[in-house]
Every structure is written in C-alpha cells, then in structure tokens.
C-alpha cells in the first residue's frame, strides 16, 4: 500500500526479499503489468506526488512515491521477464513515468 509510511513500505519489501518478493501492479490506461521488487532503498522526503507515482531519475533509477518519501527500486522483474537492475530495465522500457503503481491489477 503506497499510502503508508516509507519505513513501513521499505520494511515490507525488505522482509519479502529475495523470495517470495514484494510485488505490485503498474498501470497505464487499461494496461496493467505485474512487477516484483527484489531490492530497494528508501528516502524520507516531503513531496507533492500522489502515492504510487513513478519517477525516473536521470534514466538510471526508479522512485515510487509513498506517503512521506520515496522507495528507490534497485532490482525488479516484470512478469514473464528476467530479474534485472533498474538501470538495465530502463534501457529497454520506455515511458515508465506514464505508469503508476496500483493496489490491484
């Protein structure tokens, strides 16, 4: 639940790593993709973004907004694809900022 405190979200991801791994759904319009999060970091920071908003930083890292900070994704996997570092994922997945994390598929 991206509406929660950054520490709670981070600890949830960390507790499920490496297996079974935390997962969520990224959505854009009618398209929904399942994404596992294997490794992440956190940054407590005030912001104006809605929880679940995805920000791409310098084409190398993915930040997901929470209630009071950002979860910085480091290692992820889309359903049916291989597990990879976010910087490698961003080389092939374009326009990620048009997606956002959702609570359901």
C-alpha atoms as a PDB file:
ATOM      1  CA  UNK A   1       0.000   0.000   0.000  1.00  0.00           C
ATOM      2  CA  UNK A   2       1.815   3.097  -1.267  1.00  0.00           C
ATOM      3  CA  UNK A   3      -0.269   5.303   1.055  1.00  0.00           C
ATOM      4  CA  UNK A   4       1.745   4.056   4.034  1.00  0.00           C
ATOM      5  CA  UNK A   5       4.843   5.485   5.694  1.00  0.00           C
ATOM      6  CA  UNK A   6       8.098   4.986   3.722  1.00  0.00           C
ATOM      7  CA  UNK A   7       9.659   2.975   6.562  1.00  0.00           C
ATOM      8  CA  UNK A   8       6.733   0.543   6.600  1.00  0.00           C
ATOM      9  CA  UNK A   9       6.810   0.091   2.803  1.00  0.00           C
ATOM     10  CA  UNK A  10      10.593  -0.355   2.807  1.00  0.00           C
ATOM     11  CA  UNK A  11      10.485  -2.924   5.637  1.00  0.00           C
ATOM     12  CA  UNK A  12       7.720  -4.836   3.840  1.00  0.00           C
ATOM     13  CA  UNK A  13       9.838  -5.092   0.667  1.00  0.00           C
ATOM     14  CA  UNK A  14      12.942  -5.997   2.658  1.00  0.00           C
ATOM     15  CA  UNK A  15      11.060  -8.675   4.616  1.00  0.00           C
ATOM     16  CA  UNK A  16       9.927 -10.429   1.426  1.00  0.00           C
ATOM     17  CA  UNK A  17      13.326 -10.275  -0.283  1.00  0.00           C
ATOM     18  CA  UNK A  18      14.651 -12.248  -2.019  1.00  0.00           C
ATOM     19  CA  UNK A  19      11.720 -14.668  -2.084  1.00  0.00           C
ATOM     20  CA  UNK A  20       8.795 -14.636  -2.496  1.00  0.00           C
ATOM     21  CA  UNK A  21       9.466 -10.923  -3.227  1.00  0.00           C
ATOM     22  CA  UNK A  22       7.103  -7.995  -2.875  1.00  0.00           C
ATOM     23  CA  UNK A  23       5.078  -7.195  -5.965  1.00  0.00           C
ATOM     24  CA  UNK A  24       2.723  -4.603  -7.297  1.00  0.00           C
ATOM     25  CA  UNK A  25       0.920  -3.626 -10.452  1.00  0.00           C
ATOM     26  CA  UNK A  26       1.977  -0.774 -12.691  1.00  0.00           C
ATOM     27  CA  UNK A  27      -0.892   0.656 -14.717  1.00  0.00           C
ATOM     28  CA  UNK A  28      -1.433   2.977 -17.633  1.00  0.00           C
ATOM     29  CA  UNK A  29      -4.908   3.362 -19.129  1.00  0.00           C
ATOM     30  CA  UNK A  30      -6.191  -0.219 -19.498  1.00  0.00           C
ATOM     31  CA  UNK A  31      -2.729  -1.814 -19.443  1.00  0.00           C
ATOM     32  CA  UNK A  32      -1.597  -3.483 -16.199  1.00  0.00           C
ATOM     33  CA  UNK A  33       1.741  -5.231 -15.596  1.00  0.00           C
ATOM     34  CA  UNK A  34       2.863  -7.173 -12.527  1.00  0.00           C
ATOM     35  CA  UNK A  35       6.265  -6.144 -11.154  1.00  0.00           C
ATOM     36  CA  UNK A  36       8.258  -7.891  -8.422  1.00  0.00           C
ATOM     37  CA  UNK A  37      10.543  -5.776  -6.263  1.00  0.00           C
ATOM     38  CA  UNK A  38      13.579  -7.704  -5.057  1.00  0.00           C
ATOM     39  CA  UNK A  39      15.745  -4.900  -3.709  1.00  0.00           C
ATOM     40  CA  UNK A  40      15.050  -1.290  -2.841  1.00  0.00           C
ATOM     41  CA  UNK A  41      16.237   1.624  -0.758  1.00  0.00           C
ATOM     42  CA  UNK A  42      14.324   4.462   0.865  1.00  0.00           C
ATOM     43  CA  UNK A  43      14.419   8.230   1.051  1.00  0.00           C
ATOM     44  CA  UNK A  44      12.319  10.127   3.557  1.00  0.00           C
ATOM     45  CA  UNK A  45      11.416  13.384   1.832  1.00  0.00           C
ATOM     46  CA  UNK A  46       8.415  15.687   1.629  1.00  0.00           C
ATOM     47  CA  UNK A  47       6.859  15.836  -1.849  1.00  0.00           C
ATOM     48  CA  UNK A  48       3.687  16.704  -3.727  1.00  0.00           C
ATOM     49  CA  UNK A  49       3.332  13.433  -5.684  1.00  0.00           C
ATOM     50  CA  UNK A  50       0.414  11.067  -5.202  1.00  0.00           C
ATOM     51  CA  UNK A  51       1.340   7.735  -3.557  1.00  0.00           C
ATOM     52  CA  UNK A  52       2.256   5.202  -6.245  1.00  0.00           C
ATOM     53  CA  UNK A  53       3.566   7.834  -8.672  1.00  0.00           C
ATOM     54  CA  UNK A  54       6.632   6.630 -10.575  1.00  0.00           C
ATOM     55  CA  UNK A  55       9.550   8.982 -11.195  1.00  0.00           C
ATOM     56  CA  UNK A  56      12.597   8.102 -13.296  1.00  0.00           C
ATOM     57  CA  UNK A  57      15.760   9.841 -12.114  1.00  0.00           C
ATOM     58  CA  UNK A  58      18.378  10.542 -14.815  1.00  0.00           C
ATOM     59  CA  UNK A  59      17.346   7.402 -16.694  1.00  0.00           C
ATOM     60  CA  UNK A  60      19.083   5.257 -14.067  1.00  0.00           C
ATOM     61  CA  UNK A  61      16.781   4.851 -11.072  1.00  0.00           C
ATOM     62  CA  UNK A  62      13.088   4.436 -10.337  1.00  0.00           C
ATOM     63  CA  UNK A  63      11.492   6.264  -7.410  1.00  0.00           C
ATOM     64  CA  UNK A  64       7.984   5.411  -6.230  1.00  0.00           C
ATOM     65  CA  UNK A  65       6.170   7.973  -4.082  1.00  0.00           C
ATOM     66  CA  UNK A  66       4.811   6.949  -0.692  1.00  0.00           C
ATOM     67  CA  UNK A  67       3.084   8.978   1.988  1.00  0.00           C
ATOM     68  CA  UNK A  68       6.267  10.696   3.203  1.00  0.00           C
ATOM     69  CA  UNK A  69       9.101   9.697   0.888  1.00  0.00           C
ATOM     70  CA  UNK A  70      10.245   7.540  -1.974  1.00  0.00           C
ATOM     71  CA  UNK A  71      11.023   3.852  -2.389  1.00  0.00           C
ATOM     72  CA  UNK A  72      14.015   3.670  -4.707  1.00  0.00           C
ATOM     73  CA  UNK A  73      13.789   0.460  -6.719  1.00  0.00           C
ATOM     74  CA  UNK A  74      17.129  -1.249  -7.320  1.00  0.00           C
ATOM     75  CA  UNK A  75      16.291  -4.729  -8.610  1.00  0.00           C
ATOM     76  CA  UNK A  76      12.976  -5.638 -10.247  1.00  0.00           C
ATOM     77  CA  UNK A  77      11.265  -8.146 -12.518  1.00  0.00           C
ATOM     78  CA  UNK A  78       8.260  -7.776 -14.798  1.00  0.00           C
ATOM     79  CA  UNK A  79       6.040 -10.859 -15.084  1.00  0.00           C
ATOM     80  CA  UNK A  80       7.474 -13.215 -17.698  1.00  0.00           C
ATOM     81  CA  UNK A  81      10.795 -11.361 -17.875  1.00  0.00           C
ATOM     82  CA  UNK A  82      14.120 -11.856 -16.151  1.00  0.00           C
ATOM     83  CA  UNK A  83      15.155 -10.214 -12.899  1.00  0.00           C
ATOM     84  CA  UNK A  84      17.358  -7.155 -13.505  1.00  0.00           C
ATOM     85  CA  UNK A  85      18.833  -3.987 -12.098  1.00  0.00           C
ATOM     86  CA  UNK A  86      16.635  -0.941 -12.655  1.00  0.00           C
ATOM     87  CA  UNK A  87      19.280   0.839 -14.742  1.00  0.00           C
ATOM     88  CA  UNK A  88      19.254  -2.130 -17.159  1.00  0.00           C
ATOM     89  CA  UNK A  89      15.454  -2.326 -17.097  1.00  0.00           C
ATOM     90  CA  UNK A  90      15.209   1.354 -18.058  1.00  0.00           C
ATOM     91  CA  UNK A  91      17.348   0.770 -21.166  1.00  0.00           C
ATOM     92  CA  UNK A  92      14.528  -1.273 -22.694  1.00  0.00           C
ATOM     93  CA  UNK A  93      11.340   0.006 -21.034  1.00  0.00           C
ATOM     94  CA  UNK A  94      10.409   3.440 -22.294  1.00  0.00           C
ATOM     95  CA  UNK A  95       7.894   5.924 -20.895  1.00  0.00           C
ATOM     96  CA  UNK A  96       7.714   4.338 -17.420  1.00  0.00           C
ATOM     97  CA  UNK A  97       6.642   7.662 -15.873  1.00  0.00           C
ATOM     98  CA  UNK A  98       3.304   7.380 -17.702  1.00  0.00           C
ATOM     99  CA  UNK A  99       2.575   4.365 -15.432  1.00  0.00           C
ATOM    100  CA  UNK A 100       1.785   4.390 -11.715  1.00  0.00           C
ATOM    101  CA  UNK A 101       1.621   1.689  -9.069  1.00  0.00           C
ATOM    102  CA  UNK A 102      -1.850   0.490  -8.192  1.00  0.00           C
ATOM    103  CA  UNK A 103      -3.179  -1.592  -5.304  1.00  0.00           C
ATOM    104  CA  UNK A 104      -4.902  -4.051  -7.649  1.00  0.00           C
ATOM    105  CA  UNK A 105      -4.480  -5.331 -11.183  1.00  0.00           C
END
